[in-house]
């Protein structure tokens, strides 16, 4: 039964715990599994397992074969797995290039992606300066007040700008853009030149220079950036910094199959 024997069947677990273990159990089977076999694997009643399966079925995590009455993992599992894999692949693919960008500029380097309409940090590599950033993987960046966010507004889904400007824009510093019209101008400029900055917009004295990473479809899948004090990355970055960041983004995109 594959890894069925390794499934934890300790008593006293929560309802959610049992549901998750049922999904994991089905994923390790070689094919559709009858209700009775699933219940036996967890020493649970058929009625209890059936209720969990119906909930999982409604959300697409399992599927049911009416002809045999058996259950198998659903298409949602494949979709989620593919989405997660692509994110990890981006970080793995990008890491050598990000390290090279860090070494070339001396600045901290970050890579982000969009999850549930929020820009999320996937990786941070500290720079060669005395300044270190506390940003960790999983940190969420404001779309309107970060260079990463502006890249996503410029090159990501068209609806993002309208969505975030439908409510007041939060301010972190006196330079945070809270005027929707000014934000729209910044996004338009980023789209035209291919990169974005956010000097003093989240932390006074800090600037970020970000660029888009695309996949083989030309779809934005990540943004990369150098981050540092404004004494190292001025409000208008040095041409060498812009070139290094854009070329790094282009090489990562090329590895993912994108051709300009």
C-alpha atoms as a PDB file:
ATOM      1  CA  UNK A   1       0.000   0.000   0.000  1.00  0.00           C
ATOM      2  CA  UNK A   2       2.860   2.418  -0.744  1.00  0.00           C
ATOM      3  CA  UNK A   3       3.451   4.458   2.401  1.00  0.00           C
ATOM      4  CA  UNK A   4       0.166   3.615   4.065  1.00  0.00           C
ATOM      5  CA  UNK A   5       1.975   1.895   6.864  1.00  0.00           C
ATOM      6  CA  UNK A   6       3.811   5.099   7.766  1.00  0.00           C
ATOM      7  CA  UNK A   7       0.621   7.092   8.307  1.00  0.00           C
ATOM      8  CA  UNK A   8       0.239   8.267  11.892  1.00  0.00           C
ATOM      9  CA  UNK A   9      -2.932   6.834  13.437  1.00  0.00           C
ATOM     10  CA  UNK A  10      -2.492   8.124  16.980  1.00  0.00           C
ATOM     11  CA  UNK A  11      -5.824   8.742  18.713  1.00  0.00           C
ATOM     12  CA  UNK A  12      -7.002  12.122  19.888  1.00  0.00           C
ATOM     13  CA  UNK A  13      -6.053  14.058  16.759  1.00  0.00           C
ATOM     14  CA  UNK A  14      -8.177  16.941  15.544  1.00  0.00           C
ATOM     15  CA  UNK A  15     -10.761  16.863  12.781  1.00  0.00           C
ATOM     16  CA  UNK A  16      -8.495  18.866  10.495  1.00  0.00           C
ATOM     17  CA  UNK A  17      -5.589  16.574  11.259  1.00  0.00           C
ATOM     18  CA  UNK A  18      -7.551  13.524  10.115  1.00  0.00           C
ATOM     19  CA  UNK A  19      -8.681  15.236   6.927  1.00  0.00           C
ATOM     20  CA  UNK A  20      -5.118  16.209   6.038  1.00  0.00           C
ATOM     21  CA  UNK A  21      -3.839  12.712   6.751  1.00  0.00           C
ATOM     22  CA  UNK A  22      -6.537  11.257   4.504  1.00  0.00           C
ATOM     23  CA  UNK A  23      -5.326  13.462   1.645  1.00  0.00           C
ATOM     24  CA  UNK A  24      -1.728  12.434   2.284  1.00  0.00           C
ATOM     25  CA  UNK A  25      -2.750   8.777   2.442  1.00  0.00           C
ATOM     26  CA  UNK A  26      -4.547   8.967  -0.913  1.00  0.00           C
ATOM     27  CA  UNK A  27      -1.583  10.725  -2.516  1.00  0.00           C
ATOM     28  CA  UNK A  28       0.677   7.784  -1.700  1.00  0.00           C
ATOM     29  CA  UNK A  29      -1.653   5.112  -3.107  1.00  0.00           C
ATOM     30  CA  UNK A  30      -1.089   3.595  -6.528  1.00  0.00           C
ATOM     31  CA  UNK A  31      -4.706   4.246  -7.552  1.00  0.00           C
ATOM     32  CA  UNK A  32      -8.263   4.948  -6.328  1.00  0.00           C
ATOM     33  CA  UNK A  33      -8.996   3.539  -2.861  1.00  0.00           C
ATOM     34  CA  UNK A  34     -12.351   2.231  -1.516  1.00  0.00           C
ATOM     35  CA  UNK A  35     -13.951   3.968   1.444  1.00  0.00           C
ATOM     36  CA  UNK A  36     -13.582   0.867   3.607  1.00  0.00           C
ATOM     37  CA  UNK A  37      -9.846   0.651   2.968  1.00  0.00           C
ATOM     38  CA  UNK A  38      -9.359   4.294   3.863  1.00  0.00           C
ATOM     39  CA  UNK A  39     -11.342   3.890   7.080  1.00  0.00           C
ATOM     40  CA  UNK A  40      -9.349   0.783   7.987  1.00  0.00           C
ATOM     41  CA  UNK A  41      -6.041   2.607   7.462  1.00  0.00           C
ATOM     42  CA  UNK A  42      -7.022   5.101  10.155  1.00  0.00           C
ATOM     43  CA  UNK A  43      -9.004   2.745  12.400  1.00  0.00           C
ATOM     44  CA  UNK A  44     -11.950   5.096  11.928  1.00  0.00           C
ATOM     45  CA  UNK A  45     -15.601   4.538  11.113  1.00  0.00           C
ATOM     46  CA  UNK A  46     -16.734   4.721   7.513  1.00  0.00           C
ATOM     47  CA  UNK A  47     -19.196   7.471   8.391  1.00  0.00           C
ATOM     48  CA  UNK A  48     -16.469   9.660   9.880  1.00  0.00           C
ATOM     49  CA  UNK A  49     -14.152   9.176   6.917  1.00  0.00           C
ATOM     50  CA  UNK A  50     -17.036   9.680   4.507  1.00  0.00           C
ATOM     51  CA  UNK A  51     -17.817  13.103   6.010  1.00  0.00           C
ATOM     52  CA  UNK A  52     -14.219  14.193   5.597  1.00  0.00           C
ATOM     53  CA  UNK A  53     -14.119  12.909   2.044  1.00  0.00           C
ATOM     54  CA  UNK A  54     -17.254  14.846   1.120  1.00  0.00           C
ATOM     55  CA  UNK A  55     -15.706  18.077   2.388  1.00  0.00           C
ATOM     56  CA  UNK A  56     -12.472  17.384   0.531  1.00  0.00           C
ATOM     57  CA  UNK A  57     -14.483  16.481  -2.560  1.00  0.00           C
ATOM     58  CA  UNK A  58     -16.329  19.807  -2.534  1.00  0.00           C
ATOM     59  CA  UNK A  59     -13.034  21.682  -2.490  1.00  0.00           C
ATOM     60  CA  UNK A  60     -11.405  19.587  -5.199  1.00  0.00           C
ATOM     61  CA  UNK A  61      -8.795  17.927  -2.998  1.00  0.00           C
ATOM     62  CA  UNK A  62     -10.166  14.445  -3.737  1.00  0.00           C
ATOM     63  CA  UNK A  63     -12.291  12.956  -6.497  1.00  0.00           C
ATOM     64  CA  UNK A  64     -14.824  10.144  -6.454  1.00  0.00           C
ATOM     65  CA  UNK A  65     -15.392   7.409  -9.011  1.00  0.00           C
ATOM     66  CA  UNK A  66     -19.159   6.662  -8.965  1.00  0.00           C
ATOM     67  CA  UNK A  67     -18.650   3.381 -10.830  1.00  0.00           C
ATOM     68  CA  UNK A  68     -16.374   1.851  -8.192  1.00  0.00           C
ATOM     69  CA  UNK A  69     -17.118   4.048  -5.168  1.00  0.00           C
ATOM     70  CA  UNK A  70     -13.384   4.633  -4.702  1.00  0.00           C
ATOM     71  CA  UNK A  71     -11.575   7.884  -3.933  1.00  0.00           C
ATOM     72  CA  UNK A  72      -8.384   9.425  -5.269  1.00  0.00           C
ATOM     73  CA  UNK A  73      -6.562  12.743  -4.999  1.00  0.00           C
ATOM     74  CA  UNK A  74      -8.223  15.559  -6.923  1.00  0.00           C
ATOM     75  CA  UNK A  75      -6.989  18.009  -9.507  1.00  0.00           C
ATOM     76  CA  UNK A  76      -6.617  20.729  -6.838  1.00  0.00           C
ATOM     77  CA  UNK A  77      -3.644  18.826  -5.464  1.00  0.00           C
ATOM     78  CA  UNK A  78      -1.931  18.895  -8.842  1.00  0.00           C
ATOM     79  CA  UNK A  79      -2.632  22.617  -9.267  1.00  0.00           C
ATOM     80  CA  UNK A  80      -1.314  23.508  -5.820  1.00  0.00           C
ATOM     81  CA  UNK A  81       1.703  21.271  -6.220  1.00  0.00           C
ATOM     82  CA  UNK A  82       2.592  22.820  -9.560  1.00  0.00           C
ATOM     83  CA  UNK A  83       2.154  26.340  -8.217  1.00  0.00           C
ATOM     84  CA  UNK A  84       4.392  25.617  -5.224  1.00  0.00           C
ATOM     85  CA  UNK A  85       6.992  23.818  -7.315  1.00  0.00           C
ATOM     86  CA  UNK A  86       7.320  26.721  -9.711  1.00  0.00           C
ATOM     87  CA  UNK A  87       8.044  29.101  -6.846  1.00  0.00           C
ATOM     88  CA  UNK A  88      10.749  26.913  -5.391  1.00  0.00           C
ATOM     89  CA  UNK A  89      12.179  26.377  -8.873  1.00  0.00           C
ATOM     90  CA  UNK A  90      12.439  30.133  -9.336  1.00  0.00           C
ATOM     91  CA  UNK A  91      14.480  30.536  -6.166  1.00  0.00           C
ATOM     92  CA  UNK A  92      16.716  27.579  -7.024  1.00  0.00           C
ATOM     93  CA  UNK A  93      17.202  28.811 -10.575  1.00  0.00           C
ATOM     94  CA  UNK A  94      17.789  32.401  -9.546  1.00  0.00           C
ATOM     95  CA  UNK A  95      20.132  31.873  -6.593  1.00  0.00           C
ATOM     96  CA  UNK A  96      23.467  31.796  -8.525  1.00  0.00           C
ATOM     97  CA  UNK A  97      22.493  34.933 -10.430  1.00  0.00           C
ATOM     98  CA  UNK A  98      21.332  36.683  -7.266  1.00  0.00           C
ATOM     99  CA  UNK A  99      24.615  35.892  -5.544  1.00  0.00           C
ATOM    100  CA  UNK A 100      26.493  37.292  -8.539  1.00  0.00           C
ATOM    101  CA  UNK A 101      24.360  40.458  -8.427  1.00  0.00           C
ATOM    102  CA  UNK A 102      25.053  40.792  -4.706  1.00  0.00           C
ATOM    103  CA  UNK A 103      28.790  40.448  -5.304  1.00  0.00           C
ATOM    104  CA  UNK A 104      28.776  42.855  -8.261  1.00  0.00           C
ATOM    105  CA  UNK A 105      26.848  45.622  -6.475  1.00  0.00           C
ATOM    106  CA  UNK A 106      27.734  44.945  -2.857  1.00  0.00           C
ATOM    107  CA  UNK A 107      24.079  45.436  -1.934  1.00  0.00           C
ATOM    108  CA  UNK A 108      21.504  43.104  -0.401  1.00  0.00           C
ATOM    109  CA  UNK A 109      19.429  41.209  -2.971  1.00  0.00           C
ATOM    110  CA  UNK A 110      15.822  40.033  -2.739  1.00  0.00           C
ATOM    111  CA  UNK A 111      13.475  37.996  -4.886  1.00  0.00           C
ATOM    112  CA  UNK A 112       9.690  38.180  -4.512  1.00  0.00           C
ATOM    113  CA  UNK A 113       6.563  36.707  -6.040  1.00  0.00           C
ATOM    114  CA  UNK A 114       2.834  37.432  -5.884  1.00  0.00           C
ATOM    115  CA  UNK A 115       0.706  35.249  -3.593  1.00  0.00           C
ATOM    116  CA  UNK A 116      -2.981  36.062  -3.089  1.00  0.00           C
ATOM    117  CA  UNK A 117      -2.390  39.556  -4.515  1.00  0.00           C
ATOM    118  CA  UNK A 118       0.401  40.238  -2.026  1.00  0.00           C
ATOM    119  CA  UNK A 119       4.091  40.590  -2.850  1.00  0.00           C
ATOM    120  CA  UNK A 120       5.939  38.038  -0.730  1.00  0.00           C
ATOM    121  CA  UNK A 121       9.703  37.754  -0.185  1.00  0.00           C
ATOM    122  CA  UNK A 122      11.062  34.372  -1.242  1.00  0.00           C
ATOM    123  CA  UNK A 123      14.740  34.979  -0.468  1.00  0.00           C
ATOM    124  CA  UNK A 124      17.057  37.649   0.933  1.00  0.00           C
ATOM    125  CA  UNK A 125      20.826  37.685   0.532  1.00  0.00           C
ATOM    126  CA  UNK A 126      22.633  40.212   2.722  1.00  0.00           C
ATOM    127  CA  UNK A 127      24.972  42.674   1.050  1.00  0.00           C
ATOM    128  CA  UNK A 128      28.635  43.478   1.606  1.00  0.00           C
ATOM    129  CA  UNK A 129      27.973  46.691   3.541  1.00  0.00           C
ATOM    130  CA  UNK A 130      27.710  47.224   7.294  1.00  0.00           C
ATOM    131  CA  UNK A 131      23.919  47.437   6.983  1.00  0.00           C
ATOM    132  CA  UNK A 132      21.879  44.251   7.362  1.00  0.00           C
ATOM    133  CA  UNK A 133      18.155  43.905   6.722  1.00  0.00           C
ATOM    134  CA  UNK A 134      15.776  41.907   8.916  1.00  0.00           C
ATOM    135  CA  UNK A 135      13.509  40.990   6.001  1.00  0.00           C
ATOM    136  CA  UNK A 136      12.843  37.244   5.975  1.00  0.00           C
ATOM    137  CA  UNK A 137      11.236  34.848   3.494  1.00  0.00           C
ATOM    138  CA  UNK A 138       7.481  35.198   3.869  1.00  0.00           C
ATOM    139  CA  UNK A 139       7.603  38.948   4.554  1.00  0.00           C
ATOM    140  CA  UNK A 140       4.874  40.812   2.687  1.00  0.00           C
ATOM    141  CA  UNK A 141       5.706  43.989   0.784  1.00  0.00           C
ATOM    142  CA  UNK A 142       3.224  46.768   0.057  1.00  0.00           C
ATOM    143  CA  UNK A 143       2.332  46.952  -3.617  1.00  0.00           C
ATOM    144  CA  UNK A 144       2.181  50.758  -3.592  1.00  0.00           C
ATOM    145  CA  UNK A 145       5.206  51.457  -1.398  1.00  0.00           C
ATOM    146  CA  UNK A 146       7.904  49.064  -2.573  1.00  0.00           C
ATOM    147  CA  UNK A 147       9.956  48.707  -5.719  1.00  0.00           C
ATOM    148  CA  UNK A 148       8.928  45.054  -5.932  1.00  0.00           C
ATOM    149  CA  UNK A 149       5.289  46.096  -5.657  1.00  0.00           C
ATOM    150  CA  UNK A 150       5.619  48.673  -8.416  1.00  0.00           C
ATOM    151  CA  UNK A 151       7.128  46.043 -10.696  1.00  0.00           C
ATOM    152  CA  UNK A 152       4.070  43.861 -10.093  1.00  0.00           C
ATOM    153  CA  UNK A 153       1.756  46.815 -10.681  1.00  0.00           C
ATOM    154  CA  UNK A 154       3.597  47.613 -13.919  1.00  0.00           C
ATOM    155  CA  UNK A 155       4.009  44.138 -15.360  1.00  0.00           C
ATOM    156  CA  UNK A 156       1.600  41.928 -13.419  1.00  0.00           C
ATOM    157  CA  UNK A 157      -2.191  41.537 -13.587  1.00  0.00           C
ATOM    158  CA  UNK A 158      -3.871  44.694 -14.928  1.00  0.00           C
ATOM    159  CA  UNK A 159      -6.448  44.731 -12.136  1.00  0.00           C
ATOM    160  CA  UNK A 160      -3.891  45.138  -9.331  1.00  0.00           C
ATOM    161  CA  UNK A 161      -3.590  48.914  -9.551  1.00  0.00           C
ATOM    162  CA  UNK A 162      -7.351  49.452  -9.534  1.00  0.00           C
ATOM    163  CA  UNK A 163      -7.754  47.003  -6.664  1.00  0.00           C
ATOM    164  CA  UNK A 164      -5.268  48.652  -4.313  1.00  0.00           C
ATOM    165  CA  UNK A 165      -6.348  52.227  -5.107  1.00  0.00           C
ATOM    166  CA  UNK A 166      -9.971  51.420  -4.295  1.00  0.00           C
ATOM    167  CA  UNK A 167      -9.082  51.978  -0.628  1.00  0.00           C
ATOM    168  CA  UNK A 168      -6.810  54.484   1.165  1.00  0.00           C
ATOM    169  CA  UNK A 169      -3.097  53.765   0.723  1.00  0.00           C
ATOM    170  CA  UNK A 170      -1.167  53.280   3.951  1.00  0.00           C
ATOM    171  CA  UNK A 171       1.755  55.577   4.718  1.00  0.00           C
ATOM    172  CA  UNK A 172       4.962  54.467   6.457  1.00  0.00           C
ATOM    173  CA  UNK A 173       7.107  57.560   5.883  1.00  0.00           C
ATOM    174  CA  UNK A 174       6.530  61.138   4.654  1.00  0.00           C
ATOM    175  CA  UNK A 175       7.621  59.914   1.196  1.00  0.00           C
ATOM    176  CA  UNK A 176       5.232  56.963   0.922  1.00  0.00           C
ATOM    177  CA  UNK A 177       3.019  57.458  -2.129  1.00  0.00           C
ATOM    178  CA  UNK A 178      -0.601  57.681  -1.011  1.00  0.00           C
ATOM    179  CA  UNK A 179      -1.974  59.616  -4.010  1.00  0.00           C
ATOM    180  CA  UNK A 180      -3.454  57.141  -6.543  1.00  0.00           C
ATOM    181  CA  UNK A 181      -2.661  59.481  -9.452  1.00  0.00           C
ATOM    182  CA  UNK A 182       0.987  59.794  -8.458  1.00  0.00           C
ATOM    183  CA  UNK A 183       1.189  56.039  -7.987  1.00  0.00           C
ATOM    184  CA  UNK A 184      -0.263  55.518 -11.459  1.00  0.00           C
ATOM    185  CA  UNK A 185       2.409  57.844 -12.886  1.00  0.00           C
ATOM    186  CA  UNK A 186       5.156  55.939 -11.087  1.00  0.00           C
ATOM    187  CA  UNK A 187       3.813  52.630 -12.383  1.00  0.00           C
ATOM    188  CA  UNK A 188       3.597  53.976 -15.931  1.00  0.00           C
ATOM    189  CA  UNK A 189       7.188  55.177 -15.717  1.00  0.00           C
ATOM    190  CA  UNK A 190       8.343  51.807 -14.364  1.00  0.00           C
ATOM    191  CA  UNK A 191       6.605  50.053 -17.237  1.00  0.00           C
ATOM    192  CA  UNK A 192       8.301  52.305 -19.786  1.00  0.00           C
ATOM    193  CA  UNK A 193      11.832  51.961 -18.435  1.00  0.00           C
ATOM    194  CA  UNK A 194      11.625  48.362 -17.220  1.00  0.00           C
ATOM    195  CA  UNK A 195      12.562  48.915 -13.564  1.00  0.00           C
ATOM    196  CA  UNK A 196      11.212  50.523 -10.404  1.00  0.00           C
ATOM    197  CA  UNK A 197      12.493  52.224  -7.260  1.00  0.00           C
ATOM    198  CA  UNK A 198      10.973  53.224  -3.916  1.00  0.00           C
ATOM    199  CA  UNK A 199      13.365  55.658  -2.180  1.00  0.00           C
ATOM    200  CA  UNK A 200      12.373  56.436   1.420  1.00  0.00           C
ATOM    201  CA  UNK A 201       8.904  54.964   0.896  1.00  0.00           C
ATOM    202  CA  UNK A 202       9.008  52.178   3.493  1.00  0.00           C
ATOM    203  CA  UNK A 203      12.090  53.127   5.537  1.00  0.00           C
ATOM    204  CA  UNK A 204      13.631  56.586   5.372  1.00  0.00           C
ATOM    205  CA  UNK A 205      17.139  56.487   3.967  1.00  0.00           C
ATOM    206  CA  UNK A 206      16.661  53.164   2.149  1.00  0.00           C
ATOM    207  CA  UNK A 207      16.127  52.597  -1.572  1.00  0.00           C
ATOM    208  CA  UNK A 208      15.375  49.523  -3.684  1.00  0.00           C
ATOM    209  CA  UNK A 209      15.881  48.944  -7.393  1.00  0.00           C
ATOM    210  CA  UNK A 210      13.687  46.147  -8.773  1.00  0.00           C
ATOM    211  CA  UNK A 211      13.201  44.462 -12.147  1.00  0.00           C
ATOM    212  CA  UNK A 212      10.786  41.835 -13.539  1.00  0.00           C
ATOM    213  CA  UNK A 213      11.447  38.134 -14.097  1.00  0.00           C
ATOM    214  CA  UNK A 214       9.312  36.393 -16.725  1.00  0.00           C
ATOM    215  CA  UNK A 215       8.671  32.770 -17.668  1.00  0.00           C
ATOM    216  CA  UNK A 216       8.522  31.158 -21.113  1.00  0.00           C
ATOM    217  CA  UNK A 217       5.060  32.638 -21.675  1.00  0.00           C
ATOM    218  CA  UNK A 218       6.345  36.136 -20.946  1.00  0.00           C
ATOM    219  CA  UNK A 219       4.295  36.159 -17.743  1.00  0.00           C
ATOM    220  CA  UNK A 220       5.707  37.914 -14.697  1.00  0.00           C
ATOM    221  CA  UNK A 221       6.602  35.242 -12.137  1.00  0.00           C
ATOM    222  CA  UNK A 222       9.028  37.067  -9.850  1.00  0.00           C
ATOM    223  CA  UNK A 223      10.749  40.352  -9.179  1.00  0.00           C
ATOM    224  CA  UNK A 224      14.361  40.793  -8.109  1.00  0.00           C
ATOM    225  CA  UNK A 225      15.950  43.807  -6.476  1.00  0.00           C
ATOM    226  CA  UNK A 226      19.024  45.287  -4.878  1.00  0.00           C
ATOM    227  CA  UNK A 227      18.373  46.988  -1.532  1.00  0.00           C
ATOM    228  CA  UNK A 228      20.550  49.433   0.350  1.00  0.00           C
ATOM    229  CA  UNK A 229      21.006  52.797   1.999  1.00  0.00           C
ATOM    230  CA  UNK A 230      20.469  55.777  -0.296  1.00  0.00           C
ATOM    231  CA  UNK A 231      24.167  56.602   0.002  1.00  0.00           C
ATOM    232  CA  UNK A 232      24.745  53.356  -1.938  1.00  0.00           C
ATOM    233  CA  UNK A 233      21.590  53.286  -4.096  1.00  0.00           C
ATOM    234  CA  UNK A 234      20.554  56.886  -4.822  1.00  0.00           C
ATOM    235  CA  UNK A 235      16.970  57.860  -5.633  1.00  0.00           C
ATOM    236  CA  UNK A 236      17.999  57.667  -9.276  1.00  0.00           C
ATOM    237  CA  UNK A 237      20.276  54.613  -9.240  1.00  0.00           C
ATOM    238  CA  UNK A 238      23.648  54.606 -10.945  1.00  0.00           C
ATOM    239  CA  UNK A 239      23.585  53.357 -14.565  1.00  0.00           C
ATOM    240  CA  UNK A 240      25.807  50.416 -13.590  1.00  0.00           C
ATOM    241  CA  UNK A 241      23.321  49.368 -10.899  1.00  0.00           C
ATOM    242  CA  UNK A 242      20.415  49.555 -13.332  1.00  0.00           C
ATOM    243  CA  UNK A 243      22.296  47.569 -15.965  1.00  0.00           C
ATOM    244  CA  UNK A 244      23.386  44.893 -13.484  1.00  0.00           C
ATOM    245  CA  UNK A 245      19.856  44.449 -12.109  1.00  0.00           C
ATOM    246  CA  UNK A 246      18.185  44.355 -15.534  1.00  0.00           C
ATOM    247  CA  UNK A 247      20.748  41.953 -16.978  1.00  0.00           C
ATOM    248  CA  UNK A 248      20.399  39.647 -13.972  1.00  0.00           C
ATOM    249  CA  UNK A 249      16.610  39.627 -14.347  1.00  0.00           C
ATOM    250  CA  UNK A 250      16.983  38.903 -18.069  1.00  0.00           C
ATOM    251  CA  UNK A 251      19.342  35.980 -17.465  1.00  0.00           C
ATOM    252  CA  UNK A 252      17.022  34.444 -14.866  1.00  0.00           C
ATOM    253  CA  UNK A 253      14.091  34.917 -17.249  1.00  0.00           C
ATOM    254  CA  UNK A 254      16.097  33.271 -20.018  1.00  0.00           C
ATOM    255  CA  UNK A 255      16.742  30.274 -17.799  1.00  0.00           C
ATOM    256  CA  UNK A 256      12.973  30.027 -17.313  1.00  0.00           C
ATOM    257  CA  UNK A 257      12.493  30.014 -21.090  1.00  0.00           C
ATOM    258  CA  UNK A 258      11.669  33.665 -21.775  1.00  0.00           C
ATOM    259  CA  UNK A 259      12.896  35.232 -24.992  1.00  0.00           C
ATOM    260  CA  UNK A 260      12.602  38.976 -25.439  1.00  0.00           C
END
